[in-house]
């Protein structure tokens, strides 16, 4: 099995975020970090080289392969901010309909800036996704 790229690292979150040059993106990331800390009760940790994660869970696939991943997190990318909603979006259609301007991948919510979305709805989406991950993975 290939080694996981996204694993907890000892890099500093403050140092990583200090490299974000766009002042608005930095302010947005700090606000998102606060939302995620509220949802998880956990401090931010770096995962890989560019993901700020909160909380963790252990998983085991049917193949027997296992690992640890973040419960939620974000990454300030060049084009957008990637927000990791680990259970995916199928259970959150109602919240997404009220969120605002965004795109999604399998477990990534992409926003250009926080002003494009309703922050209360985003907080609720993060809260609900964390609850779902803790329901699925009771050991975290």
C-alpha atoms as a PDB file:
ATOM      1  CA  UNK A   1       0.000   0.000   0.000  1.00  0.00           C
ATOM      2  CA  UNK A   2       1.255   3.492  -0.822  1.00  0.00           C
ATOM      3  CA  UNK A   3       2.125   5.750   2.091  1.00  0.00           C
ATOM      4  CA  UNK A   4      -0.520   8.320   2.961  1.00  0.00           C
ATOM      5  CA  UNK A   5       0.423  11.910   2.066  1.00  0.00           C
ATOM      6  CA  UNK A   6      -2.144  13.481   4.359  1.00  0.00           C
ATOM      7  CA  UNK A   7      -1.000  12.612   7.836  1.00  0.00           C
ATOM      8  CA  UNK A   8      -0.403  14.674  10.909  1.00  0.00           C
ATOM      9  CA  UNK A   9       2.843  16.600  10.829  1.00  0.00           C
ATOM     10  CA  UNK A  10       4.829  18.531  13.398  1.00  0.00           C
ATOM     11  CA  UNK A  11       4.759  21.733  11.332  1.00  0.00           C
ATOM     12  CA  UNK A  12       3.308  24.799  12.998  1.00  0.00           C
ATOM     13  CA  UNK A  13      -0.130  26.079  12.006  1.00  0.00           C
ATOM     14  CA  UNK A  14       0.749  29.696  12.840  1.00  0.00           C
ATOM     15  CA  UNK A  15       3.866  29.527  10.688  1.00  0.00           C
ATOM     16  CA  UNK A  16       1.945  27.936   7.811  1.00  0.00           C
ATOM     17  CA  UNK A  17      -0.827  30.541   7.902  1.00  0.00           C
ATOM     18  CA  UNK A  18       1.723  33.375   8.108  1.00  0.00           C
ATOM     19  CA  UNK A  19       2.712  32.427   4.544  1.00  0.00           C
ATOM     20  CA  UNK A  20      -0.765  33.319   3.226  1.00  0.00           C
ATOM     21  CA  UNK A  21      -0.089  36.603   1.443  1.00  0.00           C
ATOM     22  CA  UNK A  22      -3.683  37.592   0.633  1.00  0.00           C
ATOM     23  CA  UNK A  23      -4.885  39.438   3.753  1.00  0.00           C
ATOM     24  CA  UNK A  24      -8.567  38.664   3.100  1.00  0.00           C
ATOM     25  CA  UNK A  25      -7.847  34.951   2.597  1.00  0.00           C
ATOM     26  CA  UNK A  26      -5.844  34.940   5.820  1.00  0.00           C
ATOM     27  CA  UNK A  27      -8.716  36.588   7.739  1.00  0.00           C
ATOM     28  CA  UNK A  28     -11.149  34.077   6.198  1.00  0.00           C
ATOM     29  CA  UNK A  29      -8.911  31.163   7.196  1.00  0.00           C
ATOM     30  CA  UNK A  30      -8.705  32.423  10.768  1.00  0.00           C
ATOM     31  CA  UNK A  31     -12.500  32.685  10.916  1.00  0.00           C
ATOM     32  CA  UNK A  32     -12.893  29.161   9.491  1.00  0.00           C
ATOM     33  CA  UNK A  33     -10.345  27.873  12.004  1.00  0.00           C
ATOM     34  CA  UNK A  34     -12.423  29.361  14.814  1.00  0.00           C
ATOM     35  CA  UNK A  35     -15.547  27.635  13.430  1.00  0.00           C
ATOM     36  CA  UNK A  36     -13.740  24.305  13.308  1.00  0.00           C
ATOM     37  CA  UNK A  37     -12.316  24.637  16.797  1.00  0.00           C
ATOM     38  CA  UNK A  38     -15.829  25.411  18.051  1.00  0.00           C
ATOM     39  CA  UNK A  39     -17.207  22.329  16.271  1.00  0.00           C
ATOM     40  CA  UNK A  40     -14.500  19.907  17.409  1.00  0.00           C
ATOM     41  CA  UNK A  41     -13.211  21.335  20.664  1.00  0.00           C
ATOM     42  CA  UNK A  42      -9.735  20.544  19.289  1.00  0.00           C
ATOM     43  CA  UNK A  43      -6.749  22.728  18.475  1.00  0.00           C
ATOM     44  CA  UNK A  44      -5.505  22.992  14.909  1.00  0.00           C
ATOM     45  CA  UNK A  45      -2.750  20.653  13.703  1.00  0.00           C
ATOM     46  CA  UNK A  46      -1.020  20.492  10.355  1.00  0.00           C
ATOM     47  CA  UNK A  47      -1.814  17.521   8.128  1.00  0.00           C
ATOM     48  CA  UNK A  48       0.640  17.090   5.310  1.00  0.00           C
ATOM     49  CA  UNK A  49       2.234  20.279   4.048  1.00  0.00           C
ATOM     50  CA  UNK A  50      -0.874  22.387   3.490  1.00  0.00           C
ATOM     51  CA  UNK A  51      -3.946  21.239   5.424  1.00  0.00           C
ATOM     52  CA  UNK A  52      -4.974  22.685   8.777  1.00  0.00           C
ATOM     53  CA  UNK A  53      -6.947  19.924  10.505  1.00  0.00           C
ATOM     54  CA  UNK A  54      -9.048  19.605  13.625  1.00  0.00           C
ATOM     55  CA  UNK A  55      -9.608  16.358  15.480  1.00  0.00           C
ATOM     56  CA  UNK A  56      -8.875  12.915  14.101  1.00  0.00           C
ATOM     57  CA  UNK A  57     -10.419   9.524  13.615  1.00  0.00           C
ATOM     58  CA  UNK A  58      -9.080   6.036  13.017  1.00  0.00           C
ATOM     59  CA  UNK A  59     -10.454   3.958  10.176  1.00  0.00           C
ATOM     60  CA  UNK A  60     -10.057   0.393   8.928  1.00  0.00           C
ATOM     61  CA  UNK A  61     -11.002  -0.619   5.382  1.00  0.00           C
ATOM     62  CA  UNK A  62     -12.462  -4.032   4.545  1.00  0.00           C
ATOM     63  CA  UNK A  63      -9.037  -4.873   3.079  1.00  0.00           C
ATOM     64  CA  UNK A  64      -7.531  -4.458   6.539  1.00  0.00           C
ATOM     65  CA  UNK A  65      -5.662  -1.284   5.616  1.00  0.00           C
ATOM     66  CA  UNK A  66      -6.037   1.353   8.284  1.00  0.00           C
ATOM     67  CA  UNK A  67      -5.037   4.880   9.122  1.00  0.00           C
ATOM     68  CA  UNK A  68      -5.843   8.116  10.859  1.00  0.00           C
ATOM     69  CA  UNK A  69      -7.350  11.187   9.234  1.00  0.00           C
ATOM     70  CA  UNK A  70      -8.645  14.610  10.207  1.00  0.00           C
ATOM     71  CA  UNK A  71     -12.301  15.076  11.167  1.00  0.00           C
ATOM     72  CA  UNK A  72     -12.470  18.482   9.495  1.00  0.00           C
ATOM     73  CA  UNK A  73     -10.029  21.021   8.161  1.00  0.00           C
ATOM     74  CA  UNK A  74      -9.203  23.550   5.497  1.00  0.00           C
ATOM     75  CA  UNK A  75      -6.462  24.612   3.140  1.00  0.00           C
ATOM     76  CA  UNK A  76      -5.846  28.052   1.651  1.00  0.00           C
ATOM     77  CA  UNK A  77      -5.222  27.180  -2.006  1.00  0.00           C
ATOM     78  CA  UNK A  78      -4.282  29.619  -4.778  1.00  0.00           C
ATOM     79  CA  UNK A  79      -7.755  29.699  -6.364  1.00  0.00           C
ATOM     80  CA  UNK A  80      -9.948  29.090  -3.311  1.00  0.00           C
ATOM     81  CA  UNK A  81     -10.201  27.846   0.237  1.00  0.00           C
ATOM     82  CA  UNK A  82     -10.782  24.108   0.440  1.00  0.00           C
ATOM     83  CA  UNK A  83     -12.932  23.088   3.402  1.00  0.00           C
ATOM     84  CA  UNK A  84     -12.914  19.381   4.258  1.00  0.00           C
ATOM     85  CA  UNK A  85     -16.371  17.999   5.020  1.00  0.00           C
ATOM     86  CA  UNK A  86     -15.264  14.412   5.550  1.00  0.00           C
ATOM     87  CA  UNK A  87     -18.615  12.584   5.406  1.00  0.00           C
ATOM     88  CA  UNK A  88     -19.300  14.123   1.983  1.00  0.00           C
ATOM     89  CA  UNK A  89     -22.361  16.160   1.094  1.00  0.00           C
ATOM     90  CA  UNK A  90     -25.245  13.753   0.478  1.00  0.00           C
ATOM     91  CA  UNK A  91     -26.702  14.286   3.957  1.00  0.00           C
ATOM     92  CA  UNK A  92     -26.390  18.059   3.857  1.00  0.00           C
ATOM     93  CA  UNK A  93     -28.394  19.105   0.788  1.00  0.00           C
ATOM     94  CA  UNK A  94     -30.702  21.362   2.815  1.00  0.00           C
ATOM     95  CA  UNK A  95     -27.770  23.283   4.304  1.00  0.00           C
ATOM     96  CA  UNK A  96     -26.023  23.527   0.941  1.00  0.00           C
ATOM     97  CA  UNK A  97     -29.132  25.070  -0.598  1.00  0.00           C
ATOM     98  CA  UNK A  98     -28.800  27.962   1.892  1.00  0.00           C
ATOM     99  CA  UNK A  99     -25.009  28.282   1.885  1.00  0.00           C
ATOM    100  CA  UNK A 100     -24.322  30.665  -0.994  1.00  0.00           C
ATOM    101  CA  UNK A 101     -21.642  30.528  -3.689  1.00  0.00           C
ATOM    102  CA  UNK A 102     -19.464  27.379  -3.601  1.00  0.00           C
ATOM    103  CA  UNK A 103     -18.348  24.267  -5.486  1.00  0.00           C
ATOM    104  CA  UNK A 104     -17.869  20.757  -4.167  1.00  0.00           C
ATOM    105  CA  UNK A 105     -15.694  17.734  -4.735  1.00  0.00           C
ATOM    106  CA  UNK A 106     -16.119  14.375  -2.992  1.00  0.00           C
ATOM    107  CA  UNK A 107     -15.419  15.779   0.481  1.00  0.00           C
ATOM    108  CA  UNK A 108     -14.215  19.282  -0.352  1.00  0.00           C
ATOM    109  CA  UNK A 109     -16.194  22.475  -0.258  1.00  0.00           C
ATOM    110  CA  UNK A 110     -14.503  25.167  -2.331  1.00  0.00           C
ATOM    111  CA  UNK A 111     -15.158  28.835  -1.634  1.00  0.00           C
ATOM    112  CA  UNK A 112     -13.390  31.893  -3.038  1.00  0.00           C
ATOM    113  CA  UNK A 113     -13.944  33.903   0.125  1.00  0.00           C
ATOM    114  CA  UNK A 114     -16.046  33.774   3.258  1.00  0.00           C
ATOM    115  CA  UNK A 115     -18.216  36.693   2.085  1.00  0.00           C
ATOM    116  CA  UNK A 116     -19.582  34.388  -0.643  1.00  0.00           C
ATOM    117  CA  UNK A 117     -21.343  32.154   1.889  1.00  0.00           C
ATOM    118  CA  UNK A 118     -23.633  32.476   4.882  1.00  0.00           C
ATOM    119  CA  UNK A 119     -21.258  32.026   7.828  1.00  0.00           C
ATOM    120  CA  UNK A 120     -23.988  30.704  10.140  1.00  0.00           C
ATOM    121  CA  UNK A 121     -24.889  28.038   7.593  1.00  0.00           C
ATOM    122  CA  UNK A 122     -21.206  27.158   7.131  1.00  0.00           C
ATOM    123  CA  UNK A 123     -20.796  26.809  10.904  1.00  0.00           C
ATOM    124  CA  UNK A 124     -23.828  24.517  11.018  1.00  0.00           C
ATOM    125  CA  UNK A 125     -22.475  22.455   8.096  1.00  0.00           C
ATOM    126  CA  UNK A 126     -19.141  22.034   9.863  1.00  0.00           C
ATOM    127  CA  UNK A 127     -20.884  21.193  13.169  1.00  0.00           C
ATOM    128  CA  UNK A 128     -23.130  18.593  11.522  1.00  0.00           C
ATOM    129  CA  UNK A 129     -20.268  17.011   9.583  1.00  0.00           C
ATOM    130  CA  UNK A 130     -18.221  16.675  12.790  1.00  0.00           C
ATOM    131  CA  UNK A 131     -21.212  15.080  14.573  1.00  0.00           C
ATOM    132  CA  UNK A 132     -21.601  12.628  11.687  1.00  0.00           C
ATOM    133  CA  UNK A 133     -17.924  11.676  11.753  1.00  0.00           C
ATOM    134  CA  UNK A 134     -18.065  11.112  15.488  1.00  0.00           C
ATOM    135  CA  UNK A 135     -21.194   8.995  15.044  1.00  0.00           C
ATOM    136  CA  UNK A 136     -19.473   6.874  12.378  1.00  0.00           C
ATOM    137  CA  UNK A 137     -16.152   6.603  14.191  1.00  0.00           C
ATOM    138  CA  UNK A 138     -17.000   6.414  17.865  1.00  0.00           C
ATOM    139  CA  UNK A 139     -13.351   6.030  18.932  1.00  0.00           C
ATOM    140  CA  UNK A 140     -12.383   9.670  18.396  1.00  0.00           C
END
